[in-house]
Amino acid sequence: MSSTPMDKPSVLFVCVHNAGRSQMAAGFLRELGGGRIEVRSAGSAPADTLNPVAIDAMRELDIDITRNSPALLDADTVRTSNVVITMGCGDTCPIFPGKRYEDWDLDDPAGQNLESVRRIRDDIRGRVEALISDLVPDTEAQPGTSTTETPQPTEEALHE
């Protein structure tokens, strides 16, 4: 397993099947985190494939999660993560002292239509944005954005 620099936090998203909520959250964090946060996801009873409606909902925002696949949660992944975010998996997530745990109360997108999954997706996006602000609160430029430099005074302004 690769090591993570100490200044780069690692977030683990956990839900039962690792096919919908946790995959959408991981997709948002990869996209919006700008490589500043290591992203992981797993499930206590992973499905065989991703939820196709979750894939469609994320595709609407140009975020491709199709390369991901549900993974089984293991204690080592929890142990090596700084933040563990659970989404409806109950007591199946191992608890290690010193870890930050959050439980996001989100509806399960399994069996729901695209309209319902969009609402779940948008809720997840807001939570991920808040998480990023909390974990890397600096104002580094994000990929695809431009930075503005502080204008320097002109020679004329210096002599006024």
C-alpha atoms as a PDB file:
ATOM      1  CA  MET A   1       0.000   0.000   0.000  1.00  0.00           C
ATOM      2  CA  SER A   2       1.312   3.445  -0.843  1.00  0.00           C
ATOM      3  CA  SER A   3       2.030   5.881   1.929  1.00  0.00           C
ATOM      4  CA  THR A   4       0.337   9.213   2.227  1.00  0.00           C
ATOM      5  CA  PRO A   5       2.311  12.348   3.043  1.00  0.00           C
ATOM      6  CA  MET A   6       1.518  13.507   6.573  1.00  0.00           C
ATOM      7  CA  ASP A   7       0.088  16.783   5.277  1.00  0.00           C
ATOM      8  CA  LYS A   8      -2.360  15.069   2.908  1.00  0.00           C
ATOM      9  CA  PRO A   9      -5.427  13.850   4.812  1.00  0.00           C
ATOM     10  CA  SER A  10      -7.091  10.572   3.874  1.00  0.00           C
ATOM     11  CA  VAL A  11     -10.874  10.198   3.834  1.00  0.00           C
ATOM     12  CA  LEU A  12     -12.719   6.879   3.766  1.00  0.00           C
ATOM     13  CA  PHE A  13     -16.391   6.808   2.729  1.00  0.00           C
ATOM     14  CA  VAL A  14     -18.256   3.726   3.931  1.00  0.00           C
ATOM     15  CA  CYS A  15     -21.740   2.479   3.099  1.00  0.00           C
ATOM     16  CA  VAL A  16     -23.200  -1.006   3.009  1.00  0.00           C
ATOM     17  CA  HIS A  17     -22.894  -1.823  -0.698  1.00  0.00           C
ATOM     18  CA  ASN A  18     -20.269   0.754  -1.734  1.00  0.00           C
ATOM     19  CA  ALA A  19     -22.277   1.172  -4.921  1.00  0.00           C
ATOM     20  CA  GLY A  20     -24.077   4.517  -4.556  1.00  0.00           C
ATOM     21  CA  ARG A  21     -23.643   7.034  -1.734  1.00  0.00           C
ATOM     22  CA  SER A  22     -20.005   6.324  -0.915  1.00  0.00           C
ATOM     23  CA  GLN A  23     -19.072   6.185  -4.603  1.00  0.00           C
ATOM     24  CA  MET A  24     -20.756   9.535  -5.309  1.00  0.00           C
ATOM     25  CA  ALA A  25     -19.014  11.084  -2.284  1.00  0.00           C
ATOM     26  CA  ALA A  26     -15.654   9.705  -3.410  1.00  0.00           C
ATOM     27  CA  GLY A  27     -16.284  11.023  -6.925  1.00  0.00           C
ATOM     28  CA  PHE A  28     -17.024  14.500  -5.612  1.00  0.00           C
ATOM     29  CA  LEU A  29     -14.011  14.508  -3.307  1.00  0.00           C
ATOM     30  CA  ARG A  30     -11.681  13.437  -6.127  1.00  0.00           C
ATOM     31  CA  GLU A  31     -13.115  16.097  -8.426  1.00  0.00           C
ATOM     32  CA  LEU A  32     -13.406  18.980  -5.965  1.00  0.00           C
ATOM     33  CA  GLY A  33     -10.460  18.181  -3.713  1.00  0.00           C
ATOM     34  CA  GLY A  34      -7.869  18.963  -6.345  1.00  0.00           C
ATOM     35  CA  GLY A  35      -5.608  16.086  -5.317  1.00  0.00           C
ATOM     36  CA  ARG A  36      -5.128  17.542  -1.840  1.00  0.00           C
ATOM     37  CA  ILE A  37      -6.987  14.694  -0.105  1.00  0.00           C
ATOM     38  CA  GLU A  38      -6.542  10.950  -0.512  1.00  0.00           C
ATOM     39  CA  VAL A  39      -9.921   9.402  -1.322  1.00  0.00           C
ATOM     40  CA  ARG A  40     -11.059   5.883  -0.400  1.00  0.00           C
ATOM     41  CA  SER A  41     -14.395   4.098  -0.304  1.00  0.00           C
ATOM     42  CA  ALA A  42     -15.555   0.689   0.823  1.00  0.00           C
ATOM     43  CA  GLY A  43     -18.612  -1.261   1.878  1.00  0.00           C
ATOM     44  CA  SER A  44     -19.481  -3.654   4.663  1.00  0.00           C
ATOM     45  CA  ALA A  45     -21.277  -5.914   2.137  1.00  0.00           C
ATOM     46  CA  PRO A  46     -20.162  -4.635  -1.274  1.00  0.00           C
ATOM     47  CA  ALA A  47     -22.377  -5.066  -4.313  1.00  0.00           C
ATOM     48  CA  ASP A  48     -21.130  -6.624  -7.530  1.00  0.00           C
ATOM     49  CA  THR A  49     -21.496  -3.393  -9.521  1.00  0.00           C
ATOM     50  CA  LEU A  50     -22.120   0.309  -9.060  1.00  0.00           C
ATOM     51  CA  ASN A  51     -25.662   1.637  -8.976  1.00  0.00           C
ATOM     52  CA  PRO A  52     -26.388   2.664 -12.599  1.00  0.00           C
ATOM     53  CA  VAL A  53     -28.642   5.535 -11.484  1.00  0.00           C
ATOM     54  CA  ALA A  54     -25.825   6.915  -9.295  1.00  0.00           C
ATOM     55  CA  ILE A  55     -23.535   6.704 -12.342  1.00  0.00           C
ATOM     56  CA  ASP A  56     -26.091   8.635 -14.417  1.00  0.00           C
ATOM     57  CA  ALA A  57     -26.597  11.280 -11.717  1.00  0.00           C
ATOM     58  CA  MET A  58     -22.860  11.909 -11.470  1.00  0.00           C
ATOM     59  CA  ARG A  59     -22.439  11.869 -15.252  1.00  0.00           C
ATOM     60  CA  GLU A  60     -24.874  14.805 -15.392  1.00  0.00           C
ATOM     61  CA  LEU A  61     -22.190  16.804 -13.559  1.00  0.00           C
ATOM     62  CA  ASP A  62     -19.384  15.451 -15.762  1.00  0.00           C
ATOM     63  CA  ILE A  63     -18.007  13.252 -12.986  1.00  0.00           C
ATOM     64  CA  ASP A  64     -17.234   9.730 -14.155  1.00  0.00           C
ATOM     65  CA  ILE A  65     -17.363   7.102 -11.410  1.00  0.00           C
ATOM     66  CA  THR A  66     -17.507   4.105 -13.782  1.00  0.00           C
ATOM     67  CA  ARG A  67     -13.840   3.204 -13.199  1.00  0.00           C
ATOM     68  CA  ASN A  68     -14.610   2.532  -9.534  1.00  0.00           C
ATOM     69  CA  SER A  69     -15.848  -0.771  -8.224  1.00  0.00           C
ATOM     70  CA  PRO A  70     -17.342  -1.756  -4.868  1.00  0.00           C
ATOM     71  CA  ALA A  71     -14.670  -2.811  -2.375  1.00  0.00           C
ATOM     72  CA  LEU A  72     -14.850  -4.699   0.903  1.00  0.00           C
ATOM     73  CA  LEU A  73     -14.211  -2.661   4.032  1.00  0.00           C
ATOM     74  CA  ASP A  74     -11.226  -3.867   6.034  1.00  0.00           C
ATOM     75  CA  ALA A  75      -9.765  -2.740   9.332  1.00  0.00           C
ATOM     76  CA  ASP A  76      -6.455  -1.671   7.767  1.00  0.00           C
ATOM     77  CA  THR A  77      -8.190   0.813   5.470  1.00  0.00           C
ATOM     78  CA  VAL A  78      -9.955   2.340   8.474  1.00  0.00           C
ATOM     79  CA  ARG A  79      -6.750   2.351  10.518  1.00  0.00           C
ATOM     80  CA  THR A  80      -4.830   4.260   7.829  1.00  0.00           C
ATOM     81  CA  SER A  81      -7.550   6.864   7.170  1.00  0.00           C
ATOM     82  CA  ASN A  82      -7.729  10.195   8.983  1.00  0.00           C
ATOM     83  CA  VAL A  83     -11.470  10.674   8.520  1.00  0.00           C
ATOM     84  CA  VAL A  84     -14.061   7.893   8.270  1.00  0.00           C
ATOM     85  CA  ILE A  85     -17.486   8.880   6.988  1.00  0.00           C
ATOM     86  CA  THR A  86     -20.213   6.289   7.345  1.00  0.00           C
ATOM     87  CA  MET A  87     -23.488   6.326   5.462  1.00  0.00           C
ATOM     88  CA  GLY A  88     -25.995   3.927   6.903  1.00  0.00           C
ATOM     89  CA  CYS A  89     -23.689   1.021   7.684  1.00  0.00           C
ATOM     90  CA  GLY A  90     -24.510   0.883  11.381  1.00  0.00           C
ATOM     91  CA  ASP A  91     -21.998  -0.816  13.661  1.00  0.00           C
ATOM     92  CA  THR A  92     -20.082  -2.683  10.941  1.00  0.00           C
ATOM     93  CA  CYS A  93     -17.291  -0.099  10.736  1.00  0.00           C
ATOM     94  CA  PRO A  94     -14.338  -0.849  13.025  1.00  0.00           C
ATOM     95  CA  ILE A  95     -13.582   1.957  15.469  1.00  0.00           C
ATOM     96  CA  PHE A  96      -9.996   3.066  16.136  1.00  0.00           C
ATOM     97  CA  PRO A  97      -9.070   5.665  18.751  1.00  0.00           C
ATOM     98  CA  GLY A  98      -7.868   8.972  17.371  1.00  0.00           C
ATOM     99  CA  LYS A  99      -9.824   8.773  14.129  1.00  0.00           C
ATOM    100  CA  ARG A 100     -12.406  11.341  13.151  1.00  0.00           C
ATOM    101  CA  TYR A 101     -15.760   9.677  12.480  1.00  0.00           C
ATOM    102  CA  GLU A 102     -18.843  11.250  10.926  1.00  0.00           C
ATOM    103  CA  ASP A 103     -22.132   9.577  10.126  1.00  0.00           C
ATOM    104  CA  TRP A 104     -23.934  11.155   7.193  1.00  0.00           C
ATOM    105  CA  ASP A 105     -27.639  10.361   7.380  1.00  0.00           C
ATOM    106  CA  LEU A 106     -28.467   9.946   3.693  1.00  0.00           C
ATOM    107  CA  ASP A 107     -31.151   8.020   1.882  1.00  0.00           C
ATOM    108  CA  ASP A 108     -29.942   4.928   0.037  1.00  0.00           C
ATOM    109  CA  PRO A 109     -30.155   5.475  -3.730  1.00  0.00           C
ATOM    110  CA  ALA A 110     -30.688   1.735  -4.360  1.00  0.00           C
ATOM    111  CA  GLY A 111     -33.932   1.216  -6.269  1.00  0.00           C
ATOM    112  CA  GLN A 112     -34.674   4.940  -6.521  1.00  0.00           C
ATOM    113  CA  ASN A 113     -35.357   6.947  -9.664  1.00  0.00           C
ATOM    114  CA  LEU A 114     -33.006   9.563 -11.098  1.00  0.00           C
ATOM    115  CA  GLU A 115     -34.934  12.479  -9.571  1.00  0.00           C
ATOM    116  CA  SER A 116     -34.522  11.028  -6.059  1.00  0.00           C
ATOM    117  CA  VAL A 117     -30.870  10.171  -6.628  1.00  0.00           C
ATOM    118  CA  ARG A 118     -30.200  13.747  -7.797  1.00  0.00           C
ATOM    119  CA  ARG A 119     -31.400  15.026  -4.410  1.00  0.00           C
ATOM    120  CA  ILE A 120     -29.114  12.564  -2.607  1.00  0.00           C
ATOM    121  CA  ARG A 121     -26.230  13.505  -4.936  1.00  0.00           C
ATOM    122  CA  ASP A 122     -26.700  17.226  -4.299  1.00  0.00           C
ATOM    123  CA  ASP A 123     -26.828  16.652  -0.529  1.00  0.00           C
ATOM    124  CA  ILE A 124     -23.589  14.673  -0.753  1.00  0.00           C
ATOM    125  CA  ARG A 125     -21.936  17.419  -2.803  1.00  0.00           C
ATOM    126  CA  GLY A 126     -22.689  20.038  -0.138  1.00  0.00           C
ATOM    127  CA  ARG A 127     -21.307  17.804   2.597  1.00  0.00           C
ATOM    128  CA  VAL A 128     -18.152  17.075   0.577  1.00  0.00           C
ATOM    129  CA  GLU A 129     -17.609  20.782  -0.081  1.00  0.00           C
ATOM    130  CA  ALA A 130     -17.866  21.470   3.671  1.00  0.00           C
ATOM    131  CA  LEU A 131     -15.483  18.584   4.387  1.00  0.00           C
ATOM    132  CA  ILE A 132     -12.908  19.962   1.945  1.00  0.00           C
ATOM    133  CA  SER A 133     -13.135  23.411   3.541  1.00  0.00           C
ATOM    134  CA  ASP A 134     -12.580  21.832   6.932  1.00  0.00           C
ATOM    135  CA  LEU A 135      -9.681  19.552   5.945  1.00  0.00           C
ATOM    136  CA  VAL A 136      -7.790  21.930   3.661  1.00  0.00           C
ATOM    137  CA  PRO A 137      -9.046  25.380   4.633  1.00  0.00           C
ATOM    138  CA  ASP A 138      -6.385  27.249   2.685  1.00  0.00           C
ATOM    139  CA  THR A 139      -7.344  29.079  -0.460  1.00  0.00           C
ATOM    140  CA  GLU A 140      -5.110  27.240  -2.899  1.00  0.00           C
ATOM    141  CA  ALA A 141      -6.271  27.477  -6.480  1.00  0.00           C
ATOM    142  CA  GLN A 142      -8.407  24.577  -7.576  1.00  0.00           C
ATOM    143  CA  PRO A 143      -7.797  22.828 -10.898  1.00  0.00           C
ATOM    144  CA  GLY A 144      -9.436  24.760 -13.708  1.00  0.00           C
ATOM    145  CA  THR A 145      -9.527  28.051 -11.823  1.00  0.00           C
ATOM    146  CA  SER A 146      -7.257  31.015 -12.219  1.00  0.00           C
ATOM    147  CA  THR A 147      -5.523  32.852  -9.455  1.00  0.00           C
ATOM    148  CA  THR A 148      -5.407  36.604  -9.276  1.00  0.00           C
ATOM    149  CA  GLU A 149      -2.315  38.370  -8.120  1.00  0.00           C
ATOM    150  CA  THR A 150      -2.411  41.422  -5.917  1.00  0.00           C
ATOM    151  CA  PRO A 151      -1.893  44.413  -8.211  1.00  0.00           C
ATOM    152  CA  GLN A 152       1.377  46.226  -7.670  1.00  0.00           C
ATOM    153  CA  PRO A 153       1.244  50.012  -7.362  1.00  0.00           C
ATOM    154  CA  THR A 154       2.262  51.927 -10.446  1.00  0.00           C
ATOM    155  CA  GLU A 155       5.202  54.333 -10.423  1.00  0.00           C
ATOM    156  CA  GLU A 156       2.722  57.229 -10.519  1.00  0.00           C
ATOM    157  CA  ALA A 157       0.798  55.932  -7.510  1.00  0.00           C
ATOM    158  CA  LEU A 158       4.000  55.684  -5.503  1.00  0.00           C
ATOM    159  CA  HIS A 159       4.658  59.421  -5.946  1.00  0.00           C
ATOM    160  CA  GLU A 160       1.146  60.669  -5.160  1.00  0.00           C
END
